[in-house]
Amino acid sequence: MNLYMKKAPLFLVLCLMLFAGNIVSAQGKAFQAMLKTLLAHTVPEIDVMTTQALQSKNAFLLDARAAREFEVSHLEHARLVGYDDFSLDRVADIPKDSVIVVYCSVGYRSEKVAEKLIAAGYTRVSNLYGGIFQWVNEEKAVVDKSGQPTEKVHAYNRTWGVWLQKGKKVYR
């Protein structure tokens, strides 16, 4: 066996790793490009790392997804407020000067809920940029309806599910 044949499998593995890395990188760039055009950017946006830091500082985390999505998984200590059936009554107990982070799957529904909160006089409202998909893609923990850690994430539907790269997709 010549040297080339001994080195070929290693070369092939390295090429595949590089190619896979480029796919992940391209996927991330495509996700960011999609978010840039999908969102209206009408409310302050916050990244995953800052949200995680606020999670332990008594910030209110509001989930603007449907109940079936929330039950599969959500950010720890988050409160379901919904989107289609959102009502300010669900946040009436939250002081208007509280730090609030709203999220959904990718940020569209949460942006609309955040707009309503700001219009109602809440002064420290942010939208989690990239939503729970970005949160999980950055390998941050989520919990199920019992508060137990889970890898499952409701991916909304197969079209939107392409943006969820980590975790286990659920479509029910």
N, C-alpha and C. Protein backbone atom coordinates (compact mmCIF):
# COMPACT_ATOMS: atom_id res chain seq x y z
N MET A 1 0.86 -1.17 0.00
CA MET A 1 0.00 0.00 0.00
C MET A 1 0.91 1.23 0.00
N ASN A 2 0.67 2.12 -0.93
CA ASN A 2 1.52 3.31 -0.99
C ASN A 2 1.06 4.38 -0.01
N LEU A 3 1.89 5.40 0.16
CA LEU A 3 1.61 6.48 1.11
C LEU A 3 0.30 7.19 0.79
N TYR A 4 0.02 7.40 -0.50
CA TYR A 4 -1.21 8.08 -0.91
C TYR A 4 -2.44 7.31 -0.41
N MET A 5 -2.42 6.01 -0.56
CA MET A 5 -3.58 5.20 -0.16
C MET A 5 -3.75 5.21 1.36
N LYS A 6 -2.65 5.33 2.10
CA LYS A 6 -2.74 5.40 3.56
C LYS A 6 -3.30 6.75 3.99
N LYS A 7 -2.95 7.81 3.29
CA LYS A 7 -3.36 9.16 3.65
C LYS A 7 -4.73 9.53 3.08
N ALA A 8 -5.18 8.84 2.05
CA ALA A 8 -6.44 9.18 1.38
C ALA A 8 -7.64 9.19 2.33
N PRO A 9 -7.82 8.17 3.19
CA PRO A 9 -8.98 8.20 4.10
C PRO A 9 -8.95 9.41 5.03
N LEU A 10 -7.77 9.74 5.53
CA LEU A 10 -7.65 10.91 6.39
C LEU A 10 -8.00 12.18 5.62
N PHE A 11 -7.50 12.28 4.40
CA PHE A 11 -7.79 13.44 3.56
C PHE A 11 -9.29 13.55 3.31
N LEU A 12 -9.91 12.43 3.02
CA LEU A 12 -11.35 12.40 2.77
C LEU A 12 -12.13 12.85 4.00
N VAL A 13 -11.75 12.36 5.17
CA VAL A 13 -12.41 12.76 6.42
C VAL A 13 -12.25 14.26 6.65
N LEU A 14 -11.06 14.78 6.45
CA LEU A 14 -10.82 16.22 6.64
C LEU A 14 -11.66 17.05 5.66
N CYS A 15 -11.75 16.60 4.42
CA CYS A 15 -12.56 17.31 3.42
C CYS A 15 -14.04 17.30 3.81
N LEU A 16 -14.52 16.16 4.28
CA LEU A 16 -15.92 16.07 4.70
C LEU A 16 -16.20 16.97 5.90
N MET A 17 -15.27 17.03 6.85
CA MET A 17 -15.45 17.90 8.01
C MET A 17 -15.50 19.37 7.58
N LEU A 18 -14.62 19.75 6.66
CA LEU A 18 -14.60 21.12 6.17
C LEU A 18 -15.90 21.44 5.44
N PHE A 19 -16.35 20.50 4.59
CA PHE A 19 -17.59 20.69 3.85
C PHE A 19 -18.77 20.82 4.80
N ALA A 20 -18.84 19.95 5.80
CA ALA A 20 -19.94 19.99 6.78
C ALA A 20 -19.91 21.32 7.54
N GLY A 21 -18.73 21.77 7.92
CA GLY A 21 -18.60 23.07 8.59
C GLY A 21 -19.10 24.20 7.73
N ASN A 22 -18.81 24.13 6.44
CA ASN A 22 -19.28 25.18 5.52
C ASN A 22 -20.79 25.15 5.38
N ILE A 23 -21.40 23.97 5.42
CA ILE A 23 -22.86 23.87 5.35
C ILE A 23 -23.47 24.51 6.59
N VAL A 24 -22.93 24.20 7.76
CA VAL A 24 -23.45 24.79 8.99
C VAL A 24 -23.28 26.30 8.96
N SER A 25 -22.12 26.76 8.51
CA SER A 25 -21.87 28.20 8.42
C SER A 25 -22.83 28.84 7.42
N ALA A 26 -23.02 28.22 6.28
CA ALA A 26 -23.95 28.76 5.28
C ALA A 26 -25.37 28.78 5.83
N GLN A 27 -25.74 27.73 6.57
CA GLN A 27 -27.07 27.67 7.17
C GLN A 27 -27.26 28.84 8.13
N GLY A 28 -26.25 29.10 8.97
CA GLY A 28 -26.32 30.22 9.91
C GLY A 28 -26.45 31.55 9.19
N LYS A 29 -25.71 31.72 8.11
CA LYS A 29 -25.78 32.96 7.33
C LYS A 29 -27.15 33.10 6.67
N ALA A 30 -27.68 31.99 6.17
CA ALA A 30 -29.01 32.02 5.55
C ALA A 30 -30.07 32.36 6.58
N PHE A 31 -29.94 31.81 7.79
CA PHE A 31 -30.89 32.10 8.87
C PHE A 31 -30.85 33.59 9.22
N GLN A 32 -29.65 34.13 9.34
CA GLN A 32 -29.52 35.56 9.64
C GLN A 32 -30.10 36.42 8.53
N ALA A 33 -29.88 36.04 7.28
CA ALA A 33 -30.43 36.79 6.15
C ALA A 33 -31.95 36.72 6.16
N MET A 34 -32.51 35.55 6.47
CA MET A 34 -33.96 35.40 6.54
C MET A 34 -34.53 36.29 7.63
N LEU A 35 -33.88 36.30 8.81
CA LEU A 35 -34.36 37.12 9.91
C LEU A 35 -34.30 38.61 9.57
N LYS A 36 -33.26 38.99 8.89
CA LYS A 36 -33.10 40.40 8.52
C LYS A 36 -34.28 40.89 7.67
N THR A 37 -34.77 40.03 6.79
CA THR A 37 -35.89 40.44 5.93
C THR A 37 -37.25 40.14 6.54
N LEU A 38 -37.37 39.07 7.35
CA LEU A 38 -38.65 38.69 7.94
C LEU A 38 -39.11 39.68 9.00
N LEU A 39 -38.19 40.08 9.85
CA LEU A 39 -38.54 40.95 10.97
C LEU A 39 -38.60 42.41 10.53
N ALA A 40 -39.47 43.16 11.18
CA ALA A 40 -39.59 44.60 10.89
C ALA A 40 -38.57 45.41 11.70
N HIS A 41 -37.98 44.80 12.71
CA HIS A 41 -36.97 45.45 13.58
C HIS A 41 -37.56 46.70 14.24
N THR A 42 -38.80 46.59 14.68
CA THR A 42 -39.52 47.72 15.28
C THR A 42 -39.38 47.79 16.79
N VAL A 43 -38.79 46.75 17.38
CA VAL A 43 -38.58 46.73 18.83
C VAL A 43 -37.12 46.38 19.09
N PRO A 44 -36.61 46.72 20.26
CA PRO A 44 -35.23 46.34 20.56
C PRO A 44 -35.06 44.82 20.48
N GLU A 45 -33.94 44.40 19.92
CA GLU A 45 -33.65 42.98 19.80
C GLU A 45 -32.52 42.63 20.76
N ILE A 46 -32.58 41.41 21.26
CA ILE A 46 -31.61 40.95 22.25
C ILE A 46 -31.08 39.59 21.81
N ASP A 47 -29.82 39.33 22.06
CA ASP A 47 -29.24 38.06 21.64
C ASP A 47 -29.38 37.00 22.72
N VAL A 48 -29.01 35.79 22.37
CA VAL A 48 -29.15 34.64 23.26
C VAL A 48 -28.32 34.81 24.53
N MET A 49 -27.07 35.22 24.40
CA MET A 49 -26.19 35.33 25.56
C MET A 49 -26.73 36.35 26.57
N THR A 50 -27.20 37.48 26.08
CA THR A 50 -27.74 38.51 26.98
C THR A 50 -29.04 38.02 27.63
N THR A 51 -29.87 37.34 26.86
CA THR A 51 -31.11 36.78 27.41
C THR A 51 -30.79 35.77 28.50
N GLN A 52 -29.81 34.92 28.27
CA GLN A 52 -29.45 33.93 29.27
C GLN A 52 -28.98 34.62 30.56
N ALA A 53 -28.24 35.70 30.44
CA ALA A 53 -27.80 36.43 31.63
C ALA A 53 -28.99 37.04 32.36
N LEU A 54 -29.97 37.53 31.61
CA LEU A 54 -31.16 38.14 32.22
C LEU A 54 -32.07 37.09 32.85
N GLN A 55 -32.00 35.87 32.37
CA GLN A 55 -32.84 34.77 32.86
C GLN A 55 -32.68 34.59 34.37
N SER A 56 -31.49 34.83 34.86
CA SER A 56 -31.24 34.65 36.29
C SER A 56 -31.38 35.94 37.08
N LYS A 57 -31.81 37.00 36.44
CA LYS A 57 -31.92 38.30 37.09
C LYS A 57 -33.37 38.79 37.17
N ASN A 58 -34.31 37.86 37.25
CA ASN A 58 -35.73 38.18 37.41
C ASN A 58 -36.35 38.91 36.22
N ALA A 59 -35.78 38.75 35.06
CA ALA A 59 -36.44 39.28 33.86
C ALA A 59 -37.65 38.40 33.57
N PHE A 60 -38.65 38.96 32.95
CA PHE A 60 -39.82 38.20 32.55
C PHE A 60 -39.59 37.67 31.14
N LEU A 61 -39.67 36.35 30.97
CA LEU A 61 -39.53 35.72 29.68
C LEU A 61 -40.92 35.32 29.21
N LEU A 62 -41.35 35.90 28.11
CA LEU A 62 -42.71 35.66 27.61
C LEU A 62 -42.65 34.89 26.30
N ASP A 63 -43.35 33.78 26.25
CA ASP A 63 -43.37 32.91 25.08
C ASP A 63 -44.61 33.24 24.25
N ALA A 64 -44.38 33.69 23.02
CA ALA A 64 -45.46 34.11 22.13
C ALA A 64 -45.84 33.03 21.12
N ARG A 65 -45.70 31.78 21.52
CA ARG A 65 -46.07 30.68 20.64
C ARG A 65 -47.41 30.09 21.11
N ALA A 66 -47.87 29.10 20.39
CA ALA A 66 -49.10 28.39 20.77
C ALA A 66 -48.81 27.46 21.94
N ALA A 67 -49.85 27.12 22.68
CA ALA A 67 -49.70 26.25 23.85
C ALA A 67 -49.07 24.91 23.49
N ARG A 68 -49.41 24.34 22.34
CA ARG A 68 -48.84 23.04 21.96
C ARG A 68 -47.34 23.14 21.74
N GLU A 69 -46.85 24.30 21.29
CA GLU A 69 -45.41 24.50 21.11
C GLU A 69 -44.74 24.65 22.48
N PHE A 70 -45.35 25.44 23.34
CA PHE A 70 -44.82 25.69 24.69
C PHE A 70 -44.72 24.40 25.49
N GLU A 71 -45.71 23.53 25.35
CA GLU A 71 -45.72 22.27 26.11
C GLU A 71 -44.57 21.35 25.73
N VAL A 72 -44.15 21.39 24.48
CA VAL A 72 -43.01 20.56 24.05
C VAL A 72 -41.75 21.05 24.73
N SER A 73 -41.51 22.35 24.66
CA SER A 73 -40.36 22.94 25.35
C SER A 73 -40.45 24.45 25.34
N HIS A 74 -39.76 25.04 26.29
CA HIS A 74 -39.70 26.50 26.41
C HIS A 74 -38.49 26.88 27.25
N LEU A 75 -38.16 28.15 27.27
CA LEU A 75 -37.08 28.62 28.12
C LEU A 75 -37.52 28.47 29.57
N GLU A 76 -36.59 28.09 30.42
CA GLU A 76 -36.91 27.92 31.83
C GLU A 76 -37.44 29.22 32.40
N HIS A 77 -38.48 29.13 33.19
CA HIS A 77 -39.17 30.25 33.86
C HIS A 77 -39.98 31.13 32.91
N ALA A 78 -40.16 30.68 31.66
CA ALA A 78 -40.96 31.47 30.72
C ALA A 78 -42.44 31.33 31.01
N ARG A 79 -43.18 32.35 30.62
CA ARG A 79 -44.63 32.37 30.76
C ARG A 79 -45.24 32.37 29.36
N LEU A 80 -46.19 31.49 29.15
CA LEU A 80 -46.90 31.46 27.87
C LEU A 80 -47.87 32.63 27.80
N VAL A 81 -47.74 33.45 26.75
CA VAL A 81 -48.69 34.54 26.54
C VAL A 81 -49.42 34.39 25.20
N GLY A 82 -48.91 33.50 24.36
CA GLY A 82 -49.56 33.25 23.08
C GLY A 82 -49.34 34.35 22.06
N TYR A 83 -49.91 34.11 20.89
CA TYR A 83 -49.83 35.08 19.79
C TYR A 83 -51.22 35.32 19.23
N ASP A 84 -51.83 34.27 18.69
CA ASP A 84 -53.17 34.41 18.11
C ASP A 84 -54.18 34.87 19.15
N ASP A 85 -54.00 34.42 20.38
CA ASP A 85 -54.94 34.77 21.44
C ASP A 85 -54.31 35.67 22.51
N PHE A 86 -53.23 36.38 22.15
CA PHE A 86 -52.55 37.24 23.12
C PHE A 86 -53.51 38.29 23.68
N SER A 87 -53.40 38.51 24.98
CA SER A 87 -54.19 39.53 25.66
C SER A 87 -53.32 40.20 26.70
N LEU A 88 -53.44 41.50 26.84
CA LEU A 88 -52.69 42.22 27.86
C LEU A 88 -53.08 41.76 29.26
N ASP A 89 -54.23 41.14 29.41
CA ASP A 89 -54.64 40.60 30.71
C ASP A 89 -53.62 39.58 31.23
N ARG A 90 -52.94 38.89 30.32
CA ARG A 90 -51.97 37.86 30.71
C ARG A 90 -50.70 38.45 31.33
N VAL A 91 -50.50 39.74 31.15
CA VAL A 91 -49.28 40.38 31.69
C VAL A 91 -49.63 41.52 32.66
N ALA A 92 -50.89 41.59 33.05
CA ALA A 92 -51.35 42.69 33.91
C ALA A 92 -50.59 42.76 35.24
N ASP A 93 -50.09 41.63 35.70
CA ASP A 93 -49.36 41.59 36.98
C ASP A 93 -47.89 42.00 36.85
N ILE A 94 -47.42 42.21 35.63
CA ILE A 94 -46.02 42.58 35.41
C ILE A 94 -45.89 44.10 35.45
N PRO A 95 -45.04 44.64 36.32
CA PRO A 95 -44.84 46.09 36.36
C PRO A 95 -44.33 46.60 35.00
N LYS A 96 -44.81 47.76 34.62
CA LYS A 96 -44.50 48.29 33.28
C LYS A 96 -43.03 48.64 33.08
N ASP A 97 -42.26 48.76 34.18
CA ASP A 97 -40.83 49.05 34.04
C ASP A 97 -39.95 47.81 34.18
N SER A 98 -40.56 46.63 34.17
CA SER A 98 -39.81 45.37 34.29
C SER A 98 -39.07 45.05 33.00
N VAL A 99 -37.98 44.32 33.13
CA VAL A 99 -37.27 43.82 31.96
C VAL A 99 -38.06 42.63 31.42
N ILE A 100 -38.43 42.73 30.15
CA ILE A 100 -39.24 41.70 29.50
C ILE A 100 -38.56 41.27 28.21
N VAL A 101 -38.41 39.96 28.03
CA VAL A 101 -37.91 39.40 26.78
C VAL A 101 -39.01 38.51 26.22
N VAL A 102 -39.43 38.81 25.00
CA VAL A 102 -40.47 38.03 24.34
C VAL A 102 -39.78 37.17 23.28
N TYR A 103 -40.23 35.92 23.14
CA TYR A 103 -39.66 35.07 22.11
C TYR A 103 -40.74 34.18 21.51
N CYS A 104 -40.44 33.64 20.34
CA CYS A 104 -41.28 32.64 19.68
C CYS A 104 -40.33 31.67 18.97
N SER A 105 -40.70 31.14 17.83
CA SER A 105 -39.82 30.22 17.13
C SER A 105 -38.60 30.93 16.56
N VAL A 106 -38.83 31.98 15.76
CA VAL A 106 -37.72 32.71 15.13
C VAL A 106 -37.73 34.21 15.42
N GLY A 107 -38.81 34.73 15.96
CA GLY A 107 -38.84 36.14 16.32
C GLY A 107 -39.95 36.97 15.72
N TYR A 108 -40.70 36.44 14.76
CA TYR A 108 -41.76 37.22 14.11
C TYR A 108 -42.95 37.46 15.04
N ARG A 109 -43.50 36.38 15.59
CA ARG A 109 -44.66 36.53 16.46
C ARG A 109 -44.31 37.31 17.72
N SER A 110 -43.13 37.05 18.26
CA SER A 110 -42.71 37.76 19.47
C SER A 110 -42.50 39.25 19.20
N GLU A 111 -42.06 39.59 18.01
CA GLU A 111 -41.91 41.00 17.66
C GLU A 111 -43.27 41.70 17.70
N LYS A 112 -44.28 41.04 17.18
CA LYS A 112 -45.64 41.63 17.16
C LYS A 112 -46.19 41.77 18.58
N VAL A 113 -45.96 40.77 19.43
CA VAL A 113 -46.41 40.85 20.82
C VAL A 113 -45.64 41.96 21.54
N ALA A 114 -44.34 42.05 21.30
CA ALA A 114 -43.53 43.10 21.92
C ALA A 114 -44.02 44.49 21.51
N GLU A 115 -44.42 44.65 20.27
CA GLU A 115 -44.98 45.93 19.81
C GLU A 115 -46.23 46.29 20.63
N LYS A 116 -47.08 45.31 20.90
CA LYS A 116 -48.29 45.55 21.69
C LYS A 116 -47.94 45.93 23.12
N LEU A 117 -46.93 45.27 23.68
CA LEU A 117 -46.50 45.60 25.05
C LEU A 117 -45.98 47.03 25.13
N ILE A 118 -45.17 47.41 24.18
CA ILE A 118 -44.62 48.78 24.15
C ILE A 118 -45.74 49.80 23.98
N ALA A 119 -46.68 49.50 23.11
CA ALA A 119 -47.83 50.40 22.90
C ALA A 119 -48.66 50.53 24.17
N ALA A 120 -48.64 49.49 25.01
CA ALA A 120 -49.41 49.51 26.27
C ALA A 120 -48.64 50.17 27.41
N GLY A 121 -47.42 50.64 27.13
CA GLY A 121 -46.66 51.37 28.14
C GLY A 121 -45.53 50.61 28.81
N TYR A 122 -45.28 49.38 28.41
CA TYR A 122 -44.12 48.65 28.95
C TYR A 122 -42.86 49.26 28.35
N THR A 123 -41.89 49.55 29.20
CA THR A 123 -40.75 50.37 28.75
C THR A 123 -39.45 49.62 28.52
N ARG A 124 -39.35 48.37 28.95
CA ARG A 124 -38.08 47.64 28.83
C ARG A 124 -38.32 46.28 28.17
N VAL A 125 -38.85 46.33 26.96
CA VAL A 125 -39.25 45.13 26.23
C VAL A 125 -38.26 44.86 25.10
N SER A 126 -37.85 43.60 24.97
CA SER A 126 -36.97 43.19 23.88
C SER A 126 -37.50 41.93 23.23
N ASN A 127 -37.10 41.73 21.98
CA ASN A 127 -37.44 40.53 21.22
C ASN A 127 -36.18 39.67 21.13
N LEU A 128 -36.29 38.39 21.50
CA LEU A 128 -35.15 37.48 21.39
C LEU A 128 -34.90 37.21 19.91
N TYR A 129 -33.82 37.72 19.40
CA TYR A 129 -33.48 37.61 17.98
C TYR A 129 -33.19 36.15 17.62
N GLY A 130 -33.97 35.63 16.71
CA GLY A 130 -33.83 34.23 16.30
C GLY A 130 -34.66 33.26 17.12
N GLY A 131 -35.29 33.77 18.18
CA GLY A 131 -36.22 32.99 18.98
C GLY A 131 -35.63 31.74 19.60
N ILE A 132 -36.52 30.82 19.92
CA ILE A 132 -36.10 29.57 20.57
C ILE A 132 -35.23 28.74 19.63
N PHE A 133 -35.40 28.91 18.30
CA PHE A 133 -34.54 28.18 17.37
C PHE A 133 -33.08 28.61 17.56
N GLN A 134 -32.84 29.92 17.64
CA GLN A 134 -31.47 30.41 17.85
C GLN A 134 -30.96 29.96 19.22
N TRP A 135 -31.83 30.02 20.21
CA TRP A 135 -31.48 29.59 21.58
C TRP A 135 -30.96 28.14 21.57
N VAL A 136 -31.73 27.26 20.95
CA VAL A 136 -31.35 25.85 20.90
C VAL A 136 -30.16 25.64 19.96
N ASN A 137 -30.11 26.35 18.86
CA ASN A 137 -28.97 26.24 17.94
C ASN A 137 -27.67 26.62 18.64
N GLU A 138 -27.75 27.50 19.63
CA GLU A 138 -26.58 27.87 20.42
C GLU A 138 -26.41 26.96 21.64
N GLU A 139 -27.14 25.86 21.62
CA GLU A 139 -27.03 24.80 22.63
C GLU A 139 -27.38 25.25 24.04
N LYS A 140 -28.37 26.11 24.16
CA LYS A 140 -28.88 26.52 25.47
C LYS A 140 -30.03 25.60 25.85
N ALA A 141 -30.23 25.43 27.13
CA ALA A 141 -31.20 24.47 27.64
C ALA A 141 -32.64 24.97 27.52
N VAL A 142 -33.53 24.02 27.28
CA VAL A 142 -34.97 24.26 27.33
C VAL A 142 -35.58 23.19 28.22
N VAL A 143 -36.80 23.45 28.69
CA VAL A 143 -37.49 22.50 29.56
C VAL A 143 -38.85 22.16 28.97
N ASP A 144 -39.38 21.00 29.38
CA ASP A 144 -40.70 20.58 28.92
C ASP A 144 -41.78 21.13 29.85
N LYS A 145 -43.03 20.70 29.64
CA LYS A 145 -44.14 21.23 30.42
C LYS A 145 -44.04 20.88 31.90
N SER A 146 -43.23 19.86 32.24
CA SER A 146 -43.01 19.49 33.64
C SER A 146 -41.81 20.20 34.25
N GLY A 147 -41.13 21.02 33.46
CA GLY A 147 -39.96 21.72 33.95
C GLY A 147 -38.68 20.91 33.87
N GLN A 148 -38.75 19.76 33.19
CA GLN A 148 -37.58 18.89 33.06
C GLN A 148 -36.82 19.23 31.77
N PRO A 149 -35.49 19.18 31.81
CA PRO A 149 -34.70 19.44 30.59
C PRO A 149 -35.12 18.50 29.47
N THR A 150 -35.13 19.02 28.26
CA THR A 150 -35.47 18.22 27.09
C THR A 150 -34.68 18.71 25.88
N GLU A 151 -34.53 17.83 24.92
CA GLU A 151 -33.91 18.21 23.65
C GLU A 151 -34.97 18.51 22.60
N LYS A 152 -36.22 18.23 22.91
CA LYS A 152 -37.30 18.42 21.95
C LYS A 152 -37.65 19.90 21.81
N VAL A 153 -37.93 20.27 20.56
CA VAL A 153 -38.37 21.64 20.26
C VAL A 153 -39.46 21.54 19.20
N HIS A 154 -40.57 22.22 19.44
CA HIS A 154 -41.62 22.25 18.43
C HIS A 154 -41.10 23.11 17.28
N ALA A 155 -41.00 22.52 16.11
CA ALA A 155 -40.40 23.20 14.96
C ALA A 155 -41.44 23.92 14.10
N TYR A 156 -42.62 24.14 14.62
CA TYR A 156 -43.74 24.85 13.98
C TYR A 156 -44.28 24.05 12.79
N ASN A 157 -43.52 23.95 11.72
CA ASN A 157 -43.87 23.08 10.60
C ASN A 157 -42.58 22.75 9.85
N ARG A 158 -42.66 21.90 8.86
CA ARG A 158 -41.44 21.45 8.18
C ARG A 158 -40.75 22.58 7.43
N THR A 159 -41.49 23.55 6.95
CA THR A 159 -40.87 24.68 6.26
C THR A 159 -40.01 25.49 7.22
N TRP A 160 -40.56 25.83 8.37
CA TRP A 160 -39.80 26.60 9.35
C TRP A 160 -38.80 25.74 10.10
N GLY A 161 -39.05 24.46 10.19
CA GLY A 161 -38.17 23.56 10.91
C GLY A 161 -36.76 23.47 10.35
N VAL A 162 -36.58 23.86 9.09
CA VAL A 162 -35.23 23.80 8.50
C VAL A 162 -34.25 24.72 9.26
N TRP A 163 -34.78 25.72 9.94
CA TRP A 163 -33.90 26.66 10.65
C TRP A 163 -33.44 26.13 12.00
N LEU A 164 -34.06 25.08 12.48
CA LEU A 164 -33.67 24.48 13.76
C LEU A 164 -32.62 23.41 13.47
N GLN A 165 -31.39 23.69 13.82
CA GLN A 165 -30.27 22.80 13.51
C GLN A 165 -29.90 21.86 14.65
N LYS A 166 -30.26 22.20 15.86
CA LYS A 166 -29.93 21.38 17.03
C LYS A 166 -31.24 20.91 17.66
N GLY A 167 -31.14 20.04 18.64
CA GLY A 167 -32.32 19.55 19.31
C GLY A 167 -33.07 18.53 18.45
N LYS A 168 -34.19 18.05 18.99
CA LYS A 168 -35.02 17.07 18.30
C LYS A 168 -36.32 17.75 17.89
N LYS A 169 -36.56 17.81 16.59
CA LYS A 169 -37.74 18.50 16.06
C LYS A 169 -39.01 17.72 16.33
N VAL A 170 -40.04 18.45 16.75
CA VAL A 170 -41.37 17.89 16.97
C VAL A 170 -42.33 18.72 16.13
N TYR A 171 -43.28 18.04 15.47
CA TYR A 171 -44.24 18.74 14.59
C TYR A 171 -45.69 18.50 14.98
N ARG A 172 -45.98 18.04 16.17
CA ARG A 172 -47.38 17.75 16.51
C ARG A 172 -48.10 18.95 17.02
